[in-house]
Amino acid sequence: MALFKKRTVGKPGEWYYCLEHKKVEEGPDCPGKDRFGPYTSRAEAEAAMQTAQERNLEWDTDPNWHDRGKTPDDAAE
């Protein structure tokens, strides 16, 4: 008996964006390494790449996460 079952069919209403096939899927058809989700709606999954781009931009421009130019002594303050 297997300890872990491979889930081949997703739950109804779970939406994913497949990074490999560049398409929206209901249920996890592709491996986890190749998808974003789950999302609660198809529209949310369709916007996955835009959402990721916006979050990356927020992260890249967040001054709290950029320590360039500081020395290790500055971090102790």
PDB file of N, CA and C in Angstrom:
ATOM      1  N   MET A   1       0.833  -1.170   0.000  1.00  0.00           N
ATOM      2  CA  MET A   1       0.000   0.000   0.000  1.00  0.00           C
ATOM      3  C   MET A   1       0.884   1.243   0.000  1.00  0.00           C
ATOM      4  N   ALA A   2       0.573   2.162  -0.882  1.00  0.00           N
ATOM      5  CA  ALA A   2       1.357   3.387  -0.988  1.00  0.00           C
ATOM      6  C   ALA A   2       1.027   4.332   0.160  1.00  0.00           C
ATOM      7  N   LEU A   3       2.055   4.992   0.654  1.00  0.00           N
ATOM      8  CA  LEU A   3       1.840   5.964   1.716  1.00  0.00           C
ATOM      9  C   LEU A   3       1.168   7.227   1.198  1.00  0.00           C
ATOM     10  N   PHE A   4       1.521   7.598  -0.016  1.00  0.00           N
ATOM     11  CA  PHE A   4       0.963   8.810  -0.603  1.00  0.00           C
ATOM     12  C   PHE A   4       0.304   8.462  -1.922  1.00  0.00           C
ATOM     13  N   LYS A   5      -0.902   8.900  -2.088  1.00  0.00           N
ATOM     14  CA  LYS A   5      -1.595   8.684  -3.349  1.00  0.00           C
ATOM     15  C   LYS A   5      -1.315   9.863  -4.264  1.00  0.00           C
ATOM     16  N   LYS A   6      -1.091   9.561  -5.516  1.00  0.00           N
ATOM     17  CA  LYS A   6      -0.928  10.624  -6.490  1.00  0.00           C
ATOM     18  C   LYS A   6      -2.318  11.145  -6.844  1.00  0.00           C
ATOM     19  N   ARG A   7      -2.509  12.423  -6.620  1.00  0.00           N
ATOM     20  CA  ARG A   7      -3.803  13.022  -6.903  1.00  0.00           C
ATOM     21  C   ARG A   7      -3.858  13.375  -8.380  1.00  0.00           C
ATOM     22  N   THR A   8      -4.652  12.637  -9.118  1.00  0.00           N
ATOM     23  CA  THR A   8      -4.713  12.872 -10.555  1.00  0.00           C
ATOM     24  C   THR A   8      -5.861  13.788 -10.942  1.00  0.00           C
ATOM     25  N   VAL A   9      -6.870  13.883 -10.106  1.00  0.00           N
ATOM     26  CA  VAL A   9      -8.015  14.730 -10.404  1.00  0.00           C
ATOM     27  C   VAL A   9      -8.147  15.762  -9.300  1.00  0.00           C
ATOM     28  N   GLY A  10      -8.300  17.003  -9.697  1.00  0.00           N
ATOM     29  CA  GLY A  10      -8.430  18.066  -8.722  1.00  0.00           C
ATOM     30  C   GLY A  10      -9.840  18.169  -8.179  1.00  0.00           C
ATOM     31  N   LYS A  11      -9.972  18.975  -7.186  1.00  0.00           N
ATOM     32  CA  LYS A  11     -11.285  19.239  -6.619  1.00  0.00           C
ATOM     33  C   LYS A  11     -12.039  20.175  -7.563  1.00  0.00           C
ATOM     34  N   PRO A  12     -13.332  19.981  -7.707  1.00  0.00           N
ATOM     35  CA  PRO A  12     -14.099  20.913  -8.530  1.00  0.00           C
ATOM     36  C   PRO A  12     -13.958  22.338  -7.984  1.00  0.00           C
ATOM     37  N   GLY A  13     -13.737  23.277  -8.867  1.00  0.00           N
ATOM     38  CA  GLY A  13     -13.595  24.659  -8.453  1.00  0.00           C
ATOM     39  C   GLY A  13     -12.168  25.086  -8.172  1.00  0.00           C
ATOM     40  N   GLU A  14     -11.200  24.185  -8.244  1.00  0.00           N
ATOM     41  CA  GLU A  14      -9.788  24.554  -8.109  1.00  0.00           C
ATOM     42  C   GLU A  14      -9.243  24.839  -9.500  1.00  0.00           C
ATOM     43  N   TRP A  15      -8.691  26.003  -9.668  1.00  0.00           N
ATOM     44  CA  TRP A  15      -8.145  26.401 -10.962  1.00  0.00           C
ATOM     45  C   TRP A  15      -6.649  26.633 -10.834  1.00  0.00           C
ATOM     46  N   TYR A  16      -5.915  26.253 -11.869  1.00  0.00           N
ATOM     47  CA  TYR A  16      -4.461  26.384 -11.898  1.00  0.00           C
ATOM     48  C   TYR A  16      -4.039  27.013 -13.221  1.00  0.00           C
ATOM     49  N   TYR A  17      -2.860  27.634 -13.207  1.00  0.00           N
ATOM     50  CA  TYR A  17      -2.266  28.120 -14.446  1.00  0.00           C
ATOM     51  C   TYR A  17      -1.023  27.285 -14.698  1.00  0.00           C
ATOM     52  N   CYS A  18      -0.992  26.571 -15.816  1.00  0.00           N
ATOM     53  CA  CYS A  18       0.143  25.718 -16.169  1.00  0.00           C
ATOM     54  C   CYS A  18       1.205  26.569 -16.855  1.00  0.00           C
ATOM     55  N   LEU A  19       2.394  26.604 -16.270  1.00  0.00           N
ATOM     56  CA  LEU A  19       3.496  27.397 -16.809  1.00  0.00           C
ATOM     57  C   LEU A  19       4.089  26.763 -18.060  1.00  0.00           C
ATOM     58  N   GLU A  20       4.014  25.460 -18.155  1.00  0.00           N
ATOM     59  CA  GLU A  20       4.588  24.767 -19.309  1.00  0.00           C
ATOM     60  C   GLU A  20       3.698  24.913 -20.543  1.00  0.00           C
ATOM     61  N   HIS A  21       2.402  24.705 -20.357  1.00  0.00           N
ATOM     62  CA  HIS A  21       1.467  24.751 -21.486  1.00  0.00           C
ATOM     63  C   HIS A  21       0.842  26.129 -21.683  1.00  0.00           C
ATOM     64  N   LYS A  22       1.078  27.028 -20.719  1.00  0.00           N
ATOM     65  CA  LYS A  22       0.551  28.396 -20.771  1.00  0.00           C
ATOM     66  C   LYS A  22      -0.965  28.404 -20.947  1.00  0.00           C
ATOM     67  N   LYS A  23      -1.623  27.612 -20.076  1.00  0.00           N
ATOM     68  CA  LYS A  23      -3.085  27.556 -20.139  1.00  0.00           C
ATOM     69  C   LYS A  23      -3.664  27.327 -18.750  1.00  0.00           C
ATOM     70  N   VAL A  24      -4.941  27.618 -18.623  1.00  0.00           N
ATOM     71  CA  VAL A  24      -5.666  27.434 -17.372  1.00  0.00           C
ATOM     72  C   VAL A  24      -6.239  26.027 -17.348  1.00  0.00           C
ATOM     73  N   GLU A  25      -6.156  25.384 -16.170  1.00  0.00           N
ATOM     74  CA  GLU A  25      -6.667  24.021 -16.000  1.00  0.00           C
ATOM     75  C   GLU A  25      -7.556  23.975 -14.772  1.00  0.00           C
ATOM     76  N   GLU A  26      -8.616  23.210 -14.855  1.00  0.00           N
ATOM     77  CA  GLU A  26      -9.414  22.953 -13.651  1.00  0.00           C
ATOM     78  C   GLU A  26      -8.878  21.670 -13.056  1.00  0.00           C
ATOM     79  N   GLY A  27      -8.407  21.760 -11.833  1.00  0.00           N
ATOM     80  CA  GLY A  27      -7.767  20.608 -11.202  1.00  0.00           C
ATOM     81  C   GLY A  27      -6.317  20.537 -11.636  1.00  0.00           C
ATOM     82  N   PRO A  28      -5.477  19.926 -10.837  1.00  0.00           N
ATOM     83  CA  PRO A  28      -4.046  19.868 -11.164  1.00  0.00           C
ATOM     84  C   PRO A  28      -3.737  18.791 -12.191  1.00  0.00           C
ATOM     85  N   ASP A  29      -3.751  19.155 -13.468  1.00  0.00           N
ATOM     86  CA  ASP A  29      -3.400  18.203 -14.518  1.00  0.00           C
ATOM     87  C   ASP A  29      -1.891  18.046 -14.656  1.00  0.00           C
ATOM     88  N   CYS A  30      -1.158  19.114 -14.417  1.00  0.00           N
ATOM     89  CA  CYS A  30       0.298  19.100 -14.570  1.00  0.00           C
ATOM     90  C   CYS A  30       0.972  19.062 -13.200  1.00  0.00           C
ATOM     91  N   PRO A  31       2.253  18.657 -13.156  1.00  0.00           N
ATOM     92  CA  PRO A  31       2.978  18.595 -11.879  1.00  0.00           C
ATOM     93  C   PRO A  31       3.055  19.956 -11.196  1.00  0.00           C
ATOM     94  N   GLY A  32       3.166  19.945  -9.889  1.00  0.00           N
ATOM     95  CA  GLY A  32       3.212  21.162  -9.092  1.00  0.00           C
ATOM     96  C   GLY A  32       4.320  22.115  -9.489  1.00  0.00           C
ATOM     97  N   LYS A  33       5.436  21.589  -9.961  1.00  0.00           N
ATOM     98  CA  LYS A  33       6.561  22.447 -10.347  1.00  0.00           C
ATOM     99  C   LYS A  33       6.247  23.282 -11.582  1.00  0.00           C
ATOM    100  N   ASP A  34       5.195  22.904 -12.304  1.00  0.00           N
ATOM    101  CA  ASP A  34       4.850  23.585 -13.545  1.00  0.00           C
ATOM    102  C   ASP A  34       3.582  24.421 -13.463  1.00  0.00           C
ATOM    103  N   ARG A  35       3.116  24.728 -12.254  1.00  0.00           N
ATOM    104  CA  ARG A  35       1.845  25.449 -12.187  1.00  0.00           C
ATOM    105  C   ARG A  35       1.789  26.432 -11.031  1.00  0.00           C
ATOM    106  N   PHE A  36       0.917  27.420 -11.186  1.00  0.00           N
ATOM    107  CA  PHE A  36       0.542  28.357 -10.131  1.00  0.00           C
ATOM    108  C   PHE A  36      -0.862  27.974  -9.689  1.00  0.00           C
ATOM    109  N   GLY A  37      -1.150  28.111  -8.416  1.00  0.00           N
ATOM    110  CA  GLY A  37      -2.512  27.864  -7.942  1.00  0.00           C
ATOM    111  C   GLY A  37      -2.486  27.050  -6.673  1.00  0.00           C
ATOM    112  N   PRO A  38      -3.618  26.721  -6.158  1.00  0.00           N
ATOM    113  CA  PRO A  38      -4.941  26.830  -6.770  1.00  0.00           C
ATOM    114  C   PRO A  38      -5.540  28.220  -6.606  1.00  0.00           C
ATOM    115  N   TYR A  39      -6.378  28.560  -7.560  1.00  0.00           N
ATOM    116  CA  TYR A  39      -7.156  29.791  -7.534  1.00  0.00           C
ATOM    117  C   TYR A  39      -8.626  29.422  -7.382  1.00  0.00           C
ATOM    118  N   THR A  40      -9.409  30.353  -6.904  1.00  0.00           N
ATOM    119  CA  THR A  40     -10.822  30.070  -6.663  1.00  0.00           C
ATOM    120  C   THR A  40     -11.692  30.258  -7.893  1.00  0.00           C
ATOM    121  N   SER A  41     -11.144  30.906  -8.927  1.00  0.00           N
ATOM    122  CA  SER A  41     -11.938  31.100 -10.142  1.00  0.00           C
ATOM    123  C   SER A  41     -11.048  30.991 -11.374  1.00  0.00           C
ATOM    124  N   ARG A  42     -11.686  30.739 -12.492  1.00  0.00           N
ATOM    125  CA  ARG A  42     -10.965  30.658 -13.761  1.00  0.00           C
ATOM    126  C   ARG A  42     -10.320  32.012 -14.086  1.00  0.00           C
ATOM    127  N   ALA A  43     -11.041  33.095 -13.825  1.00  0.00           N
ATOM    128  CA  ALA A  43     -10.522  34.436 -14.118  1.00  0.00           C
ATOM    129  C   ALA A  43      -9.259  34.729 -13.314  1.00  0.00           C
ATOM    130  N   GLU A  44      -9.251  34.309 -12.057  1.00  0.00           N
ATOM    131  CA  GLU A  44      -8.062  34.493 -11.216  1.00  0.00           C
ATOM    132  C   GLU A  44      -6.872  33.728 -11.792  1.00  0.00           C
ATOM    133  N   ALA A  45      -7.111  32.508 -12.239  1.00  0.00           N
ATOM    134  CA  ALA A  45      -6.044  31.691 -12.821  1.00  0.00           C
ATOM    135  C   ALA A  45      -5.554  32.295 -14.133  1.00  0.00           C
ATOM    136  N   GLU A  46      -6.472  32.849 -14.925  1.00  0.00           N
ATOM    137  CA  GLU A  46      -6.086  33.478 -16.183  1.00  0.00           C
ATOM    138  C   GLU A  46      -5.184  34.686 -15.948  1.00  0.00           C
ATOM    139  N   ALA A  47      -5.328  35.340 -14.813  1.00  0.00           N
ATOM    140  CA  ALA A  47      -4.524  36.519 -14.478  1.00  0.00           C
ATOM    141  C   ALA A  47      -3.266  36.161 -13.692  1.00  0.00           C
ATOM    142  N   ALA A  48      -2.940  34.894 -13.598  1.00  0.00           N
ATOM    143  CA  ALA A  48      -1.819  34.444 -12.757  1.00  0.00           C
ATOM    144  C   ALA A  48      -0.493  35.097 -13.136  1.00  0.00           C
ATOM    145  N   MET A  49      -0.189  35.183 -14.410  1.00  0.00           N
ATOM    146  CA  MET A  49       1.087  35.755 -14.826  1.00  0.00           C
ATOM    147  C   MET A  49       1.136  37.257 -14.533  1.00  0.00           C
ATOM    148  N   GLN A  50       0.025  37.954 -14.742  1.00  0.00           N
ATOM    149  CA  GLN A  50      -0.034  39.383 -14.430  1.00  0.00           C
ATOM    150  C   GLN A  50       0.123  39.600 -12.928  1.00  0.00           C
ATOM    151  N   THR A  51      -0.545  38.767 -12.129  1.00  0.00           N
ATOM    152  CA  THR A  51      -0.439  38.864 -10.675  1.00  0.00           C
ATOM    153  C   THR A  51       1.003  38.630 -10.227  1.00  0.00           C
ATOM    154  N   ALA A  52       1.648  37.622 -10.807  1.00  0.00           N
ATOM    155  CA  ALA A  52       3.042  37.333 -10.458  1.00  0.00           C
ATOM    156  C   ALA A  52       3.954  38.496 -10.842  1.00  0.00           C
ATOM    157  N   GLN A  53       3.711  39.088 -12.003  1.00  0.00           N
ATOM    158  CA  GLN A  53       4.519  40.226 -12.449  1.00  0.00           C
ATOM    159  C   GLN A  53       4.347  41.408 -11.497  1.00  0.00           C
ATOM    160  N   GLU A  54       3.118  41.680 -11.072  1.00  0.00           N
ATOM    161  CA  GLU A  54       2.866  42.782 -10.143  1.00  0.00           C
ATOM    162  C   GLU A  54       3.532  42.530  -8.793  1.00  0.00           C
ATOM    163  N   ARG A  55       3.451  41.306  -8.313  1.00  0.00           N
ATOM    164  CA  ARG A  55       4.079  40.972  -7.021  1.00  0.00           C
ATOM    165  C   ARG A  55       5.593  41.069  -7.111  1.00  0.00           C
ATOM    166  N   ASN A  56       6.165  40.630  -8.224  1.00  0.00           N
ATOM    167  CA  ASN A  56       7.614  40.741  -8.406  1.00  0.00           C
ATOM    168  C   ASN A  56       8.053  42.197  -8.424  1.00  0.00           C
ATOM    169  N   LEU A  57       7.278  43.052  -9.079  1.00  0.00           N
ATOM    170  CA  LEU A  57       7.600  44.471  -9.121  1.00  0.00           C
ATOM    171  C   LEU A  57       7.532  45.077  -7.719  1.00  0.00           C
ATOM    172  N   GLU A  58       6.491  44.722  -6.954  1.00  0.00           N
ATOM    173  CA  GLU A  58       6.393  45.197  -5.574  1.00  0.00           C
ATOM    174  C   GLU A  58       7.609  44.769  -4.766  1.00  0.00           C
ATOM    175  N   TRP A  59       8.000  43.519  -4.919  1.00  0.00           N
ATOM    176  CA  TRP A  59       9.147  42.984  -4.184  1.00  0.00           C
ATOM    177  C   TRP A  59      10.433  43.706  -4.601  1.00  0.00           C
ATOM    178  N   ASP A  60      10.612  43.886  -5.906  1.00  0.00           N
ATOM    179  CA  ASP A  60      11.833  44.515  -6.412  1.00  0.00           C
ATOM    180  C   ASP A  60      11.956  45.970  -5.990  1.00  0.00           C
ATOM    181  N   THR A  61      10.836  46.643  -5.763  1.00  0.00           N
ATOM    182  CA  THR A  61      10.881  48.061  -5.418  1.00  0.00           C
ATOM    183  C   THR A  61      10.617  48.328  -3.940  1.00  0.00           C
ATOM    184  N   ASP A  62      10.500  47.307  -3.126  1.00  0.00           N
ATOM    185  CA  ASP A  62      10.252  47.471  -1.694  1.00  0.00           C
ATOM    186  C   ASP A  62      11.554  47.872  -0.995  1.00  0.00           C
ATOM    187  N   PRO A  63      11.611  49.068  -0.446  1.00  0.00           N
ATOM    188  CA  PRO A  63      12.858  49.523   0.179  1.00  0.00           C
ATOM    189  C   PRO A  63      13.231  48.721   1.424  1.00  0.00           C
ATOM    190  N   ASN A  64      12.288  48.059   2.043  1.00  0.00           N
ATOM    191  CA  ASN A  64      12.595  47.259   3.230  1.00  0.00           C
ATOM    192  C   ASN A  64      13.387  45.997   2.898  1.00  0.00           C
ATOM    193  N   TRP A  65      13.413  45.604   1.624  1.00  0.00           N
ATOM    194  CA  TRP A  65      14.103  44.374   1.249  1.00  0.00           C
ATOM    195  C   TRP A  65      15.398  44.620   0.514  1.00  0.00           C
ATOM    196  N   HIS A  66      15.789  45.877   0.372  1.00  0.00           N
ATOM    197  CA  HIS A  66      17.025  46.182  -0.343  1.00  0.00           C
ATOM    198  C   HIS A  66      18.024  46.780   0.631  1.00  0.00           C
ATOM    199  N   ASP A  67      19.081  46.038   0.866  1.00  0.00           N
ATOM    200  CA  ASP A  67      20.110  46.453   1.815  1.00  0.00           C
ATOM    201  C   ASP A  67      21.402  46.842   1.103  1.00  0.00           C
ATOM    202  N   ARG A  68      21.325  47.137  -0.171  1.00  0.00           N
ATOM    203  CA  ARG A  68      22.535  47.482  -0.910  1.00  0.00           C
ATOM    204  C   ARG A  68      23.197  48.713  -0.301  1.00  0.00           C
ATOM    205  N   GLY A  69      24.479  48.636  -0.173  1.00  0.00           N
ATOM    206  CA  GLY A  69      25.227  49.767   0.356  1.00  0.00           C
ATOM    207  C   GLY A  69      25.376  49.761   1.866  1.00  0.00           C
ATOM    208  N   LYS A  70      24.649  48.896   2.552  1.00  0.00           N
ATOM    209  CA  LYS A  70      24.778  48.827   3.996  1.00  0.00           C
ATOM    210  C   LYS A  70      25.883  47.858   4.374  1.00  0.00           C
ATOM    211  N   THR A  71      26.489  48.119   5.485  1.00  0.00           N
ATOM    212  CA  THR A  71      27.518  47.213   5.993  1.00  0.00           C
ATOM    213  C   THR A  71      26.890  46.284   7.019  1.00  0.00           C
ATOM    214  N   PRO A  72      27.534  45.191   7.367  1.00  0.00           N
ATOM    215  CA  PRO A  72      26.981  44.293   8.401  1.00  0.00           C
ATOM    216  C   PRO A  72      26.748  44.995   9.734  1.00  0.00           C
ATOM    217  N   ASP A  73      27.541  46.048  10.027  1.00  0.00           N
ATOM    218  CA  ASP A  73      27.351  46.789  11.275  1.00  0.00           C
ATOM    219  C   ASP A  73      26.039  47.573  11.276  1.00  0.00           C
ATOM    220  N   ASP A  74      25.593  48.023  10.079  1.00  0.00           N
ATOM    221  CA  ASP A  74      24.332  48.758   9.974  1.00  0.00           C
ATOM    222  C   ASP A  74      23.141  47.879  10.305  1.00  0.00           C
ATOM    223  N   ALA A  75      23.225  46.596  10.035  1.00  0.00           N
ATOM    224  CA  ALA A  75      22.123  45.680  10.272  1.00  0.00           C
ATOM    225  C   ALA A  75      21.855  45.497  11.772  1.00  0.00           C
ATOM    226  N   ALA A  76      22.881  45.722  12.607  1.00  0.00           N
ATOM    227  CA  ALA A  76      22.730  45.536  14.056  1.00  0.00           C
ATOM    228  C   ALA A  76      21.968  46.679  14.699  1.00  0.00           C
ATOM    229  N   GLU A  77      21.815  47.787  13.997  1.00  0.00           N
ATOM    230  CA  GLU A  77      21.140  48.970  14.576  1.00  0.00           C
ATOM    231  C   GLU A  77      19.669  48.774  14.735  1.00  0.00           C
TER     232      GLU A  77
END
